[in-house]
Amino acid sequence: MTRTKFRPCIDLHHGQVKQIVGASLNESNPEELKTNFVSDETPSYYATLYKQYNLTGAHVIKLGAGNDAAAKKALSAWPDGLQIGGGINLENAQDWINAGAEKVIITSYLFPEAKFSRKRLEAISSKIGKNRVVVDLSCRRRGNKWIVAMNKWQTMTDLEVNQDTLDFISDYCSEFLIHAADVEGLCQGIDTELVECLGKWTRIPTTYAGGANSITDLELVNRLSNGKVDLTFGSALDLFGGDRVKFQDCIAWNNSQEEMK
């Protein structure tokens, strides 16, 4: 029986581990950036910690330029244990695998001029193998739909997140990563409707991020998705300066779910 598990993250901005309000990332207006947390620890510190507790499927996200060196240090701390995203394309995907990434997370590359490219998806899946590909379908709500947003969630694309989209793309990747960008970094609760839909739609491992603010959200996501969607905590987690969710409680949850399988 599939059960929801906690998946950690390492978000990098200007080479530092940070927690940022997702909707505030805008390179043309950097003064709008809202930062919840800047860590004194290195990216490799977090990678080593996740390795210690065997927290597989953790994602390292490079938010903009100036993060490659920090990302490579994290990957070297847990070779073949972390996923890497941010600026990944056909030309550099294999380089990141060679640098130690278990999988690469593809986002903006799939949307030239904000339009989904099947050709690009097929090309990168063919080049490195679908088992190495995670497709990031992070999205924003528009009416009663969720539309994929790229370019640090500032640019809306032409792709809707729905059953047909997930069915098609899952033929070319091994996982989905989906940030609910409207609630990312706000600690005001998850998008329950999106989580429930993802549980109905997905047939491959899927990780949701955005708004989680309580350890009980793990049970909530487990119930809403029938255990098919995993959950990432960000700003609410004590590792990132939060006071609502304890990292050790997340470890305990994962261990209890393993025992229940």
C-alpha atoms as a PDB file:
ATOM      1  CA  MET A   1       0.000   0.000   0.000  1.00  0.00           C
ATOM      2  CA  THR A   2       1.393   3.370  -1.027  1.00  0.00           C
ATOM      3  CA  ARG A   3       1.731   5.934   1.763  1.00  0.00           C
ATOM      4  CA  THR A   4       2.577   9.623   1.670  1.00  0.00           C
ATOM      5  CA  LYS A   5       6.099  10.399   2.834  1.00  0.00           C
ATOM      6  CA  PHE A   6       7.989  13.532   3.743  1.00  0.00           C
ATOM      7  CA  ARG A   7      10.441  14.730   1.111  1.00  0.00           C
ATOM      8  CA  PRO A   8      12.940  17.443   2.053  1.00  0.00           C
ATOM      9  CA  CYS A   9      14.325  20.233  -0.087  1.00  0.00           C
ATOM     10  CA  ILE A  10      17.324  22.519  -0.486  1.00  0.00           C
ATOM     11  CA  ASP A  11      16.357  25.811  -2.130  1.00  0.00           C
ATOM     12  CA  LEU A  12      19.362  27.813  -3.315  1.00  0.00           C
ATOM     13  CA  HIS A  13      19.383  31.554  -3.994  1.00  0.00           C
ATOM     14  CA  HIS A  14      22.656  33.363  -4.666  1.00  0.00           C
ATOM     15  CA  GLY A  15      24.501  30.298  -3.380  1.00  0.00           C
ATOM     16  CA  GLN A  16      22.763  30.217  -0.007  1.00  0.00           C
ATOM     17  CA  VAL A  17      20.056  27.945   1.384  1.00  0.00           C
ATOM     18  CA  LYS A  18      16.916  30.069   1.691  1.00  0.00           C
ATOM     19  CA  GLN A  19      13.177  29.894   2.025  1.00  0.00           C
ATOM     20  CA  ILE A  20      11.428  32.399  -0.212  1.00  0.00           C
ATOM     21  CA  VAL A  21       7.807  33.359  -0.817  1.00  0.00           C
ATOM     22  CA  GLY A  22       7.390  31.794  -4.236  1.00  0.00           C
ATOM     23  CA  ALA A  23       5.282  34.476  -5.870  1.00  0.00           C
ATOM     24  CA  SER A  24       7.839  37.173  -4.938  1.00  0.00           C
ATOM     25  CA  LEU A  25      10.638  35.799  -7.145  1.00  0.00           C
ATOM     26  CA  ASN A  26      10.977  38.368  -9.880  1.00  0.00           C
ATOM     27  CA  GLU A  27      14.368  39.212 -11.401  1.00  0.00           C
ATOM     28  CA  SER A  28      13.067  42.374 -13.051  1.00  0.00           C
ATOM     29  CA  ASN A  29      11.903  43.663  -9.644  1.00  0.00           C
ATOM     30  CA  PRO A  30      14.336  42.158  -7.103  1.00  0.00           C
ATOM     31  CA  GLU A  31      13.138  44.572  -4.421  1.00  0.00           C
ATOM     32  CA  GLU A  32       9.888  42.577  -4.332  1.00  0.00           C
ATOM     33  CA  LEU A  33      11.685  39.455  -3.070  1.00  0.00           C
ATOM     34  CA  LYS A  34      10.310  38.221   0.259  1.00  0.00           C
ATOM     35  CA  THR A  35      12.697  35.937   2.138  1.00  0.00           C
ATOM     36  CA  ASN A  36      11.493  33.889   5.102  1.00  0.00           C
ATOM     37  CA  PHE A  37      14.844  32.358   6.020  1.00  0.00           C
ATOM     38  CA  VAL A  38      18.550  32.447   5.156  1.00  0.00           C
ATOM     39  CA  SER A  39      20.583  29.569   6.549  1.00  0.00           C
ATOM     40  CA  ASP A  40      23.973  29.829   8.209  1.00  0.00           C
ATOM     41  CA  GLU A  41      24.585  26.228   7.146  1.00  0.00           C
ATOM     42  CA  THR A  42      26.010  25.102   3.815  1.00  0.00           C
ATOM     43  CA  PRO A  43      24.023  23.166   1.203  1.00  0.00           C
ATOM     44  CA  SER A  44      26.248  20.147   1.883  1.00  0.00           C
ATOM     45  CA  TYR A  45      25.212  20.261   5.558  1.00  0.00           C
ATOM     46  CA  TYR A  46      21.600  19.637   4.556  1.00  0.00           C
ATOM     47  CA  ALA A  47      22.563  16.985   2.012  1.00  0.00           C
ATOM     48  CA  THR A  48      24.563  15.120   4.651  1.00  0.00           C
ATOM     49  CA  LEU A  49      21.661  15.373   7.096  1.00  0.00           C
ATOM     50  CA  TYR A  50      19.201  13.981   4.554  1.00  0.00           C
ATOM     51  CA  LYS A  51      21.606  11.159   3.756  1.00  0.00           C
ATOM     52  CA  GLN A  52      21.926  10.334   7.457  1.00  0.00           C
ATOM     53  CA  TYR A  53      18.182   9.699   7.641  1.00  0.00           C
ATOM     54  CA  ASN A  54      17.938   8.202   4.138  1.00  0.00           C
ATOM     55  CA  LEU A  55      15.467  10.844   2.986  1.00  0.00           C
ATOM     56  CA  THR A  56      15.428   9.792  -0.646  1.00  0.00           C
ATOM     57  CA  GLY A  57      13.844  11.946  -3.325  1.00  0.00           C
ATOM     58  CA  ALA A  58      14.971  15.260  -1.851  1.00  0.00           C
ATOM     59  CA  HIS A  59      15.135  18.073  -4.375  1.00  0.00           C
ATOM     60  CA  VAL A  60      17.770  20.783  -4.742  1.00  0.00           C
ATOM     61  CA  ILE A  61      16.364  23.802  -6.583  1.00  0.00           C
ATOM     62  CA  LYS A  62      18.596  26.523  -8.037  1.00  0.00           C
ATOM     63  CA  LEU A  63      16.566  29.727  -7.947  1.00  0.00           C
ATOM     64  CA  GLY A  64      18.353  31.805 -10.545  1.00  0.00           C
ATOM     65  CA  ALA A  65      22.024  32.274 -11.392  1.00  0.00           C
ATOM     66  CA  GLY A  66      24.985  31.919  -9.036  1.00  0.00           C
ATOM     67  CA  ASN A  67      23.989  28.567  -7.545  1.00  0.00           C
ATOM     68  CA  ASP A  68      25.933  25.982  -9.539  1.00  0.00           C
ATOM     69  CA  ALA A  69      28.889  25.699  -7.146  1.00  0.00           C
ATOM     70  CA  ALA A  70      26.627  25.400  -4.103  1.00  0.00           C
ATOM     71  CA  ALA A  71      24.488  22.783  -5.857  1.00  0.00           C
ATOM     72  CA  LYS A  72      27.512  20.682  -6.793  1.00  0.00           C
ATOM     73  CA  LYS A  73      28.691  20.708  -3.182  1.00  0.00           C
ATOM     74  CA  ALA A  74      25.326  19.367  -2.084  1.00  0.00           C
ATOM     75  CA  LEU A  75      25.398  16.654  -4.733  1.00  0.00           C
ATOM     76  CA  SER A  76      28.917  15.616  -3.773  1.00  0.00           C
ATOM     77  CA  ALA A  77      27.784  15.168  -0.158  1.00  0.00           C
ATOM     78  CA  TRP A  78      25.241  12.535  -1.244  1.00  0.00           C
ATOM     79  CA  PRO A  79      26.123  11.168  -4.686  1.00  0.00           C
ATOM     80  CA  ASP A  80      23.124   9.672  -6.496  1.00  0.00           C
ATOM     81  CA  GLY A  81      20.887  10.680  -3.603  1.00  0.00           C
ATOM     82  CA  LEU A  82      19.444  14.054  -4.610  1.00  0.00           C
ATOM     83  CA  GLN A  83      17.459  15.539  -7.457  1.00  0.00           C
ATOM     84  CA  ILE A  84      18.585  18.820  -9.042  1.00  0.00           C
ATOM     85  CA  GLY A  85      16.454  21.464 -10.724  1.00  0.00           C
ATOM     86  CA  GLY A  86      16.805  24.989 -12.059  1.00  0.00           C
ATOM     87  CA  GLY A  87      18.142  25.766 -15.520  1.00  0.00           C
ATOM     88  CA  ILE A  88      18.345  22.109 -16.571  1.00  0.00           C
ATOM     89  CA  ASN A  89      18.264  21.539 -20.333  1.00  0.00           C
ATOM     90  CA  LEU A  90      19.256  19.022 -23.005  1.00  0.00           C
ATOM     91  CA  GLU A  91      22.842  20.277 -23.074  1.00  0.00           C
ATOM     92  CA  ASN A  92      23.607  20.147 -19.340  1.00  0.00           C
ATOM     93  CA  ALA A  93      21.332  17.393 -17.985  1.00  0.00           C
ATOM     94  CA  GLN A  94      23.938  14.640 -18.322  1.00  0.00           C
ATOM     95  CA  ASP A  95      26.557  16.916 -16.736  1.00  0.00           C
ATOM     96  CA  TRP A  96      24.403  17.191 -13.612  1.00  0.00           C
ATOM     97  CA  ILE A  97      23.948  13.426 -13.528  1.00  0.00           C
ATOM     98  CA  ASN A  98      27.719  13.094 -13.792  1.00  0.00           C
ATOM     99  CA  ALA A  99      28.070  15.617 -10.943  1.00  0.00           C
ATOM    100  CA  GLY A 100      26.153  13.266  -8.672  1.00  0.00           C
ATOM    101  CA  ALA A 101      22.440  13.964  -9.178  1.00  0.00           C
ATOM    102  CA  GLU A 102      20.141  10.972  -8.971  1.00  0.00           C
ATOM    103  CA  LYS A 103      17.658  12.727 -11.251  1.00  0.00           C
ATOM    104  CA  VAL A 104      17.274  16.082 -12.971  1.00  0.00           C
ATOM    105  CA  ILE A 105      14.161  18.224 -12.660  1.00  0.00           C
ATOM    106  CA  ILE A 106      13.019  19.822 -15.914  1.00  0.00           C
ATOM    107  CA  THR A 107      10.921  22.971 -15.972  1.00  0.00           C
ATOM    108  CA  SER A 108      11.403  25.994 -18.209  1.00  0.00           C
ATOM    109  CA  TYR A 109      13.323  24.051 -20.878  1.00  0.00           C
ATOM    110  CA  LEU A 110      10.064  22.339 -21.829  1.00  0.00           C
ATOM    111  CA  PHE A 111       8.362  25.669 -22.514  1.00  0.00           C
ATOM    112  CA  PRO A 112      10.138  27.718 -25.188  1.00  0.00           C
ATOM    113  CA  GLU A 113       8.299  31.036 -25.399  1.00  0.00           C
ATOM    114  CA  ALA A 114       5.967  29.663 -22.678  1.00  0.00           C
ATOM    115  CA  LYS A 115       4.578  26.983 -25.005  1.00  0.00           C
ATOM    116  CA  PHE A 116       4.903  23.296 -24.152  1.00  0.00           C
ATOM    117  CA  SER A 117       7.296  21.395 -26.428  1.00  0.00           C
ATOM    118  CA  ARG A 118       6.680  17.677 -26.815  1.00  0.00           C
ATOM    119  CA  LYS A 119       9.814  17.503 -28.950  1.00  0.00           C
ATOM    120  CA  ARG A 120      11.995  18.779 -26.098  1.00  0.00           C
ATOM    121  CA  LEU A 121      10.428  16.380 -23.603  1.00  0.00           C
ATOM    122  CA  GLU A 122      11.039  13.438 -25.899  1.00  0.00           C
ATOM    123  CA  ALA A 123      14.610  14.552 -26.570  1.00  0.00           C
ATOM    124  CA  ILE A 124      15.734  14.871 -22.963  1.00  0.00           C
ATOM    125  CA  SER A 125      13.969  11.661 -21.942  1.00  0.00           C
ATOM    126  CA  SER A 126      15.660   9.812 -24.776  1.00  0.00           C
ATOM    127  CA  LYS A 127      19.085  11.271 -24.007  1.00  0.00           C
ATOM    128  CA  ILE A 128      19.358  10.507 -20.291  1.00  0.00           C
ATOM    129  CA  GLY A 129      16.534   7.969 -19.817  1.00  0.00           C
ATOM    130  CA  LYS A 130      13.079   8.575 -18.370  1.00  0.00           C
ATOM    131  CA  ASN A 131      14.189   7.066 -15.036  1.00  0.00           C
ATOM    132  CA  ARG A 132      16.490  10.091 -14.607  1.00  0.00           C
ATOM    133  CA  VAL A 133      13.834  12.699 -15.455  1.00  0.00           C
ATOM    134  CA  VAL A 134      11.520  14.542 -13.069  1.00  0.00           C
ATOM    135  CA  VAL A 135       9.108  16.980 -14.695  1.00  0.00           C
ATOM    136  CA  ASP A 136       8.240  20.050 -12.650  1.00  0.00           C
ATOM    137  CA  LEU A 137       4.651  21.096 -13.326  1.00  0.00           C
ATOM    138  CA  SER A 138       4.518  23.813 -10.692  1.00  0.00           C
ATOM    139  CA  CYS A 139       1.397  25.819 -11.254  1.00  0.00           C
ATOM    140  CA  ARG A 140      -0.877  28.685 -10.367  1.00  0.00           C
ATOM    141  CA  ARG A 141      -4.631  28.605 -10.094  1.00  0.00           C
ATOM    142  CA  ARG A 142      -6.588  30.387 -12.798  1.00  0.00           C
ATOM    143  CA  GLY A 143     -10.314  30.093 -12.157  1.00  0.00           C
ATOM    144  CA  ASN A 144     -11.058  26.429 -11.577  1.00  0.00           C
ATOM    145  CA  LYS A 145      -7.915  25.252 -13.377  1.00  0.00           C
ATOM    146  CA  TRP A 146      -4.210  24.976 -12.578  1.00  0.00           C
ATOM    147  CA  ILE A 147      -1.835  26.299 -15.236  1.00  0.00           C
ATOM    148  CA  VAL A 148       1.878  25.505 -15.305  1.00  0.00           C
ATOM    149  CA  ALA A 149       4.012  28.534 -14.415  1.00  0.00           C
ATOM    150  CA  MET A 150       7.680  28.852 -15.405  1.00  0.00           C
ATOM    151  CA  ASN A 151      10.533  31.341 -14.990  1.00  0.00           C
ATOM    152  CA  LYS A 152      10.422  31.175 -11.187  1.00  0.00           C
ATOM    153  CA  TRP A 153       6.621  30.965 -11.412  1.00  0.00           C
ATOM    154  CA  GLN A 154       6.319  34.416 -12.997  1.00  0.00           C
ATOM    155  CA  THR A 155       5.360  33.351 -16.537  1.00  0.00           C
ATOM    156  CA  MET A 156       2.177  31.442 -17.308  1.00  0.00           C
ATOM    157  CA  THR A 157       2.432  28.726 -19.953  1.00  0.00           C
ATOM    158  CA  ASP A 158      -0.167  27.155 -22.235  1.00  0.00           C
ATOM    159  CA  LEU A 159      -0.274  23.856 -20.310  1.00  0.00           C
ATOM    160  CA  GLU A 160      -3.025  22.912 -17.882  1.00  0.00           C
ATOM    161  CA  VAL A 161      -2.319  20.435 -15.090  1.00  0.00           C
ATOM    162  CA  ASN A 162      -4.957  17.740 -15.528  1.00  0.00           C
ATOM    163  CA  GLN A 163      -5.423  14.017 -16.106  1.00  0.00           C
ATOM    164  CA  ASP A 164      -4.512  14.123 -19.804  1.00  0.00           C
ATOM    165  CA  THR A 165      -1.345  16.154 -19.177  1.00  0.00           C
ATOM    166  CA  LEU A 166      -0.053  13.855 -16.450  1.00  0.00           C
ATOM    167  CA  ASP A 167      -0.911  10.732 -18.434  1.00  0.00           C
ATOM    168  CA  PHE A 168       0.990  11.926 -21.481  1.00  0.00           C
ATOM    169  CA  ILE A 169       4.070  13.327 -19.749  1.00  0.00           C
ATOM    170  CA  SER A 170       4.451  10.331 -17.435  1.00  0.00           C
ATOM    171  CA  ASP A 171       5.480   8.279 -20.466  1.00  0.00           C
ATOM    172  CA  TYR A 172       8.682  10.362 -20.560  1.00  0.00           C
ATOM    173  CA  CYS A 173       9.590  10.808 -16.882  1.00  0.00           C
ATOM    174  CA  SER A 174       9.729   8.903 -13.621  1.00  0.00           C
ATOM    175  CA  GLU A 175       8.323  11.537 -11.236  1.00  0.00           C
ATOM    176  CA  PHE A 176       6.460  14.819 -10.994  1.00  0.00           C
ATOM    177  CA  LEU A 177       7.304  17.769  -8.740  1.00  0.00           C
ATOM    178  CA  ILE A 178       4.479  20.253  -8.303  1.00  0.00           C
ATOM    179  CA  HIS A 179       4.723  23.476  -6.328  1.00  0.00           C
ATOM    180  CA  ALA A 180       1.467  25.304  -5.760  1.00  0.00           C
ATOM    181  CA  ALA A 181       3.087  28.666  -6.425  1.00  0.00           C
ATOM    182  CA  ASP A 182       0.191  30.741  -5.099  1.00  0.00           C
ATOM    183  CA  VAL A 183       0.651  29.356  -1.578  1.00  0.00           C
ATOM    184  CA  GLU A 184       4.397  28.582  -1.690  1.00  0.00           C
ATOM    185  CA  GLY A 185       6.242  30.076   1.299  1.00  0.00           C
ATOM    186  CA  LEU A 186       3.136  31.466   2.972  1.00  0.00           C
ATOM    187  CA  CYS A 187       2.600  28.697   5.582  1.00  0.00           C
ATOM    188  CA  GLN A 188      -1.153  29.248   5.256  1.00  0.00           C
ATOM    189  CA  GLY A 189      -2.156  25.713   4.313  1.00  0.00           C
ATOM    190  CA  ILE A 190      -1.889  23.427   1.326  1.00  0.00           C
ATOM    191  CA  ASP A 191      -4.037  23.552  -1.805  1.00  0.00           C
ATOM    192  CA  THR A 192      -6.248  20.637  -0.797  1.00  0.00           C
ATOM    193  CA  GLU A 193      -8.149  20.570  -4.084  1.00  0.00           C
ATOM    194  CA  LEU A 194      -4.933  20.272  -6.085  1.00  0.00           C
ATOM    195  CA  VAL A 195      -3.593  17.505  -3.839  1.00  0.00           C
ATOM    196  CA  GLU A 196      -6.839  15.561  -4.156  1.00  0.00           C
ATOM    197  CA  CYS A 197      -6.801  15.910  -7.941  1.00  0.00           C
ATOM    198  CA  LEU A 198      -3.172  14.838  -8.157  1.00  0.00           C
ATOM    199  CA  GLY A 199      -4.033  11.719  -6.191  1.00  0.00           C
ATOM    200  CA  LYS A 200      -6.674  10.868  -8.786  1.00  0.00           C
ATOM    201  CA  TRP A 201      -4.607  11.819 -11.822  1.00  0.00           C
ATOM    202  CA  THR A 202      -1.043  10.622 -11.244  1.00  0.00           C
ATOM    203  CA  ARG A 203       0.300   7.147 -11.906  1.00  0.00           C
ATOM    204  CA  ILE A 204       3.949   7.844 -11.036  1.00  0.00           C
ATOM    205  CA  PRO A 205       5.580   9.214  -7.851  1.00  0.00           C
ATOM    206  CA  THR A 206       4.543  12.830  -7.296  1.00  0.00           C
ATOM    207  CA  THR A 207       5.720  15.389  -4.758  1.00  0.00           C
ATOM    208  CA  TYR A 208       3.617  18.387  -3.734  1.00  0.00           C
ATOM    209  CA  ALA A 209       5.053  21.546  -2.166  1.00  0.00           C
ATOM    210  CA  GLY A 210       3.369  24.729  -1.033  1.00  0.00           C
ATOM    211  CA  GLY A 211       1.726  26.030   2.126  1.00  0.00           C
ATOM    212  CA  ALA A 212       2.253  23.039   4.437  1.00  0.00           C
ATOM    213  CA  ASN A 213       2.288  24.316   8.011  1.00  0.00           C
ATOM    214  CA  SER A 214       1.607  21.368  10.321  1.00  0.00           C
ATOM    215  CA  ILE A 215       2.868  17.825  10.815  1.00  0.00           C
ATOM    216  CA  THR A 216      -0.784  16.808  10.395  1.00  0.00           C
ATOM    217  CA  ASP A 217      -0.527  17.879   6.757  1.00  0.00           C
ATOM    218  CA  LEU A 218       1.261  14.592   6.087  1.00  0.00           C
ATOM    219  CA  GLU A 219      -1.819  12.658   7.170  1.00  0.00           C
ATOM    220  CA  LEU A 220      -4.035  15.119   5.288  1.00  0.00           C
ATOM    221  CA  VAL A 221      -2.113  14.637   2.033  1.00  0.00           C
ATOM    222  CA  ASN A 222      -2.068  10.884   2.624  1.00  0.00           C
ATOM    223  CA  ARG A 223      -5.862  10.855   2.963  1.00  0.00           C
ATOM    224  CA  LEU A 224      -6.612  13.260   0.107  1.00  0.00           C
ATOM    225  CA  SER A 225      -4.303  11.524  -2.369  1.00  0.00           C
ATOM    226  CA  ASN A 226      -4.737   7.935  -1.170  1.00  0.00           C
ATOM    227  CA  GLY A 227      -1.031   7.923  -0.379  1.00  0.00           C
ATOM    228  CA  LYS A 228      -0.007   8.693  -3.962  1.00  0.00           C
ATOM    229  CA  VAL A 229       1.423  12.178  -3.326  1.00  0.00           C
ATOM    230  CA  ASP A 230       4.439  12.996  -1.137  1.00  0.00           C
ATOM    231  CA  LEU A 231       4.832  16.282   0.746  1.00  0.00           C
ATOM    232  CA  THR A 232       7.600  18.844   1.169  1.00  0.00           C
ATOM    233  CA  PHE A 233       7.777  21.282   4.071  1.00  0.00           C
ATOM    234  CA  GLY A 234       9.613  24.558   3.624  1.00  0.00           C
ATOM    235  CA  SER A 235       9.291  27.678   5.744  1.00  0.00           C
ATOM    236  CA  ALA A 236       7.287  25.937   8.484  1.00  0.00           C
ATOM    237  CA  LEU A 237      10.108  23.459   9.185  1.00  0.00           C
ATOM    238  CA  ASP A 238      12.456  24.056  12.112  1.00  0.00           C
ATOM    239  CA  LEU A 239      15.415  23.286   9.833  1.00  0.00           C
ATOM    240  CA  PHE A 240      14.536  26.488   7.990  1.00  0.00           C
ATOM    241  CA  GLY A 241      13.744  28.703  10.962  1.00  0.00           C
ATOM    242  CA  GLY A 242      10.110  27.655  11.283  1.00  0.00           C
ATOM    243  CA  ASP A 243       8.352  26.849  14.540  1.00  0.00           C
ATOM    244  CA  ARG A 244       5.421  24.791  13.286  1.00  0.00           C
ATOM    245  CA  VAL A 245       6.953  21.525  12.093  1.00  0.00           C
ATOM    246  CA  LYS A 246       9.836  19.585  13.641  1.00  0.00           C
ATOM    247  CA  PHE A 247      12.249  17.802  11.340  1.00  0.00           C
ATOM    248  CA  GLN A 248      12.428  14.854  13.746  1.00  0.00           C
ATOM    249  CA  ASP A 249       8.639  14.483  13.610  1.00  0.00           C
ATOM    250  CA  CYS A 250       8.897  14.176   9.824  1.00  0.00           C
ATOM    251  CA  ILE A 251      11.506  11.453  10.261  1.00  0.00           C
ATOM    252  CA  ALA A 252       9.228   9.663  12.708  1.00  0.00           C
ATOM    253  CA  TRP A 253       6.343   9.889  10.217  1.00  0.00           C
ATOM    254  CA  ASN A 254       8.402   8.343   7.430  1.00  0.00           C
ATOM    255  CA  ASN A 255       9.588   5.547   9.708  1.00  0.00           C
ATOM    256  CA  SER A 256       6.027   4.786  10.821  1.00  0.00           C
ATOM    257  CA  GLN A 257       4.821   4.644   7.216  1.00  0.00           C
ATOM    258  CA  GLU A 258       7.556   2.163   6.336  1.00  0.00           C
ATOM    259  CA  GLU A 259       6.428  -0.050   9.203  1.00  0.00           C
ATOM    260  CA  MET A 260       2.829   0.065   7.963  1.00  0.00           C
ATOM    261  CA  LYS A 261       3.670  -1.131   4.452  1.00  0.00           C
END
